[in-house]
């Protein structure tokens, strides 16, 4: 069987991202092994937006709320990358927070994620000047009183899977004691 036939059998002949049934083709996910395991079946709309970020229609990608739950790693990687690209949208950030990838799949997703380029890109740096990226793990370097709560985030606490605040390079978000809080980058170091 060809890769296209394998993917059609796996997906039921629908786009593995948005469930469209027309104009389907094989899309090789960057950084994958190739073949059916490293590819997904996509429609022309999804392909166009995956290949050209200028064409992205953020509302089209709400379909990922269903497809990201697939057990297929190549689809999970593509969903993670697109949601990462759309983090400025609240719904996409929420979906990204709920998407769980095993370590191997997450490494694949991060390895092929498009680099944020340009001089106008907001850079988030920790207390030592290391550049922070979404999904990093950081450690608190100071006890922090968390406003609006009755607890203190203790020095040495690891905050996993941070999110960057797009419009403020001094703020990141992360979960401490099960609660999402905003943390100043000057009080964290990258792990």
Protein backbone atom coordinates (compact mmCIF):
# COMPACT_ATOMS: atom_id res chain seq x y z
CA UNK A 1 0.00 0.00 0.00
CA UNK A 2 1.10 3.56 -0.66
CA UNK A 3 1.47 6.17 2.11
CA UNK A 4 -1.72 7.88 0.88
CA UNK A 5 -3.65 4.60 1.13
CA UNK A 6 -2.25 3.92 4.61
CA UNK A 7 -3.29 7.41 5.77
CA UNK A 8 -6.75 7.09 4.20
CA UNK A 9 -7.24 3.80 6.04
CA UNK A 10 -6.01 5.31 9.33
CA UNK A 11 -8.17 8.45 9.07
CA UNK A 12 -11.25 7.06 7.36
CA UNK A 13 -10.53 9.25 4.31
CA UNK A 14 -10.96 12.57 6.13
CA UNK A 15 -8.54 15.39 6.92
CA UNK A 16 -6.85 14.41 10.17
CA UNK A 17 -6.98 18.01 11.37
CA UNK A 18 -10.37 19.45 10.35
CA UNK A 19 -12.32 16.37 9.14
CA UNK A 20 -12.86 17.76 5.62
CA UNK A 21 -13.37 15.11 2.93
CA UNK A 22 -12.33 16.94 -0.27
CA UNK A 23 -8.94 17.43 -1.92
CA UNK A 24 -6.91 15.30 0.52
CA UNK A 25 -3.18 14.80 0.23
CA UNK A 26 -0.21 13.56 2.24
CA UNK A 27 1.55 16.17 4.40
CA UNK A 28 4.92 15.12 5.79
CA UNK A 29 5.40 16.49 9.30
CA UNK A 30 8.81 18.12 9.66
CA UNK A 31 11.25 16.21 11.84
CA UNK A 32 9.34 12.93 11.57
CA UNK A 33 10.54 9.55 10.37
CA UNK A 34 8.78 9.87 7.04
CA UNK A 35 6.35 7.30 5.77
CA UNK A 36 2.85 6.99 7.22
CA UNK A 37 4.07 7.39 10.82
CA UNK A 38 5.64 10.77 10.03
CA UNK A 39 2.85 12.08 7.81
CA UNK A 40 -0.78 13.11 8.06
CA UNK A 41 -3.67 13.31 5.61
CA UNK A 42 -4.78 16.93 5.16
CA UNK A 43 -7.20 18.93 3.03
CA UNK A 44 -6.07 21.76 0.75
CA UNK A 45 -7.20 24.41 3.28
CA UNK A 46 -5.13 22.98 6.11
CA UNK A 47 -2.13 22.36 3.84
CA UNK A 48 -2.17 25.93 2.53
CA UNK A 49 -2.24 27.37 6.04
CA UNK A 50 0.42 24.98 7.36
CA UNK A 51 2.78 25.86 4.52
CA UNK A 52 2.10 29.62 4.43
CA UNK A 53 1.66 31.32 7.84
CA UNK A 54 0.41 34.46 6.06
CA UNK A 55 -2.76 32.57 5.04
CA UNK A 56 -3.68 31.41 8.55
CA UNK A 57 -7.36 31.84 9.42
CA UNK A 58 -7.38 31.46 13.22
CA UNK A 59 -11.03 30.43 13.28
CA UNK A 60 -10.38 27.48 10.95
CA UNK A 61 -8.04 25.99 13.55
CA UNK A 62 -10.72 25.70 16.22
CA UNK A 63 -11.08 22.23 14.69
CA UNK A 64 -8.00 21.25 16.70
CA UNK A 65 -10.16 21.05 19.82
CA UNK A 66 -11.25 17.64 18.48
CA UNK A 67 -8.31 16.40 16.42
CA UNK A 68 -5.63 17.09 19.05
CA UNK A 69 -6.97 14.15 21.09
CA UNK A 70 -5.99 11.60 18.45
CA UNK A 71 -3.52 8.88 19.47
CA UNK A 72 -1.54 9.57 16.24
CA UNK A 73 1.74 11.34 17.17
CA UNK A 74 2.10 13.12 13.79
CA UNK A 75 -1.34 14.72 14.24
CA UNK A 76 -0.54 15.63 17.87
CA UNK A 77 2.72 17.30 16.77
CA UNK A 78 0.96 19.31 14.06
CA UNK A 79 -1.78 20.38 16.49
CA UNK A 80 0.81 21.43 19.10
CA UNK A 81 2.77 23.46 16.56
CA UNK A 82 -0.32 25.25 15.22
CA UNK A 83 -1.66 25.98 18.70
CA UNK A 84 1.78 27.31 19.68
CA UNK A 85 1.71 29.58 16.66
CA UNK A 86 -1.76 30.83 17.66
CA UNK A 87 -1.05 31.32 21.39
CA UNK A 88 -2.11 34.96 21.21
CA UNK A 89 -5.68 33.66 20.88
CA UNK A 90 -7.09 32.77 24.29
CA UNK A 91 -8.88 29.64 23.05
CA UNK A 92 -5.68 28.35 21.41
CA UNK A 93 -3.65 28.96 24.58
CA UNK A 94 -6.30 27.09 26.60
CA UNK A 95 -6.20 24.13 24.19
CA UNK A 96 -2.40 24.09 24.28
CA UNK A 97 -2.52 23.99 28.09
CA UNK A 98 -4.73 20.89 28.00
CA UNK A 99 -2.79 19.07 25.25
CA UNK A 100 -0.58 16.36 26.72
CA UNK A 101 2.28 14.94 24.65
CA UNK A 102 4.63 12.24 25.85
CA UNK A 103 8.30 13.28 26.06
CA UNK A 104 9.29 11.84 22.68
CA UNK A 105 6.36 13.45 20.85
CA UNK A 106 6.93 16.80 22.59
CA UNK A 107 10.61 16.73 21.58
CA UNK A 108 9.53 16.12 17.97
CA UNK A 109 7.01 18.98 18.15
CA UNK A 110 9.53 21.42 19.61
CA UNK A 111 12.31 20.42 17.21
CA UNK A 112 10.33 21.33 14.12
CA UNK A 113 8.40 24.30 15.48
CA UNK A 114 8.91 27.40 13.36
CA UNK A 115 11.44 29.76 14.87
CA UNK A 116 10.19 33.12 15.97
CA UNK A 117 12.27 35.51 13.93
CA UNK A 118 12.71 39.20 13.42
CA UNK A 119 14.12 41.98 15.55
CA UNK A 120 10.68 43.09 16.71
CA UNK A 121 10.02 39.76 18.45
CA UNK A 122 9.50 40.16 22.20
CA UNK A 123 12.23 38.25 24.07
CA UNK A 124 11.57 36.87 27.52
CA UNK A 125 14.77 36.36 29.56
CA UNK A 126 15.33 34.96 33.03
CA UNK A 127 17.35 36.54 35.85
CA UNK A 128 20.60 35.35 34.23
CA UNK A 129 19.73 36.52 30.71
CA UNK A 130 18.82 33.08 29.30
CA UNK A 131 16.06 33.28 26.69
CA UNK A 132 12.81 31.68 27.83
CA UNK A 133 10.49 29.87 25.45
CA UNK A 134 6.93 28.62 25.82
CA UNK A 135 6.92 25.21 27.49
CA UNK A 136 10.19 25.71 29.39
CA UNK A 137 10.61 24.78 33.03
CA UNK A 138 11.81 27.53 35.34
CA UNK A 139 12.72 27.67 39.03
CA UNK A 140 11.76 30.51 41.35
CA UNK A 141 14.79 32.34 42.79
CA UNK A 142 12.81 34.15 45.49
CA UNK A 143 9.76 33.54 47.70
CA UNK A 144 6.81 35.25 46.00
CA UNK A 145 3.56 36.30 47.66
CA UNK A 146 0.81 35.43 45.20
CA UNK A 147 -1.73 38.23 45.00
CA UNK A 148 -5.34 37.22 45.49
CA UNK A 149 -4.41 33.99 47.24
CA UNK A 150 -3.31 32.92 50.71
CA UNK A 151 -0.14 31.09 49.67
CA UNK A 152 3.48 32.00 48.96
CA UNK A 153 5.32 30.46 46.02
CA UNK A 154 8.55 29.27 47.66
CA UNK A 155 12.07 29.75 46.34
CA UNK A 156 13.20 26.64 44.43
CA UNK A 157 9.69 25.78 43.21
CA UNK A 158 9.79 24.37 39.67
CA UNK A 159 7.22 25.85 37.28
CA UNK A 160 6.77 23.54 34.28
CA UNK A 161 5.31 24.36 30.88
CA UNK A 162 5.43 28.15 31.15
CA UNK A 163 3.55 30.43 28.77
CA UNK A 164 4.98 33.71 27.56
CA UNK A 165 2.88 36.85 27.86
CA UNK A 166 2.99 38.09 24.26
CA UNK A 167 2.89 41.82 24.92
CA UNK A 168 5.11 41.98 28.02
CA UNK A 169 8.65 40.56 28.01
CA UNK A 170 8.83 40.78 31.82
CA UNK A 171 5.86 38.46 32.45
CA UNK A 172 5.37 34.73 32.09
CA UNK A 173 2.50 32.51 33.23
CA UNK A 174 2.75 29.19 34.95
CA UNK A 175 1.01 26.89 37.41
CA UNK A 176 2.00 26.88 41.06
CA UNK A 177 -0.06 24.82 43.53
CA UNK A 178 -2.51 24.07 40.69
CA UNK A 179 -3.22 27.75 40.09
CA UNK A 180 -2.11 29.76 37.04
CA UNK A 181 -0.18 32.85 38.09
CA UNK A 182 1.76 35.64 36.40
CA UNK A 183 5.44 35.67 37.36
CA UNK A 184 8.03 38.37 36.72
CA UNK A 185 10.92 36.96 34.67
CA UNK A 186 13.45 38.61 37.02
CA UNK A 187 12.44 36.10 39.72
CA UNK A 188 12.99 32.91 37.69
CA UNK A 189 15.89 30.99 36.25
CA UNK A 190 15.63 28.56 33.35
CA UNK A 191 16.06 24.90 34.36
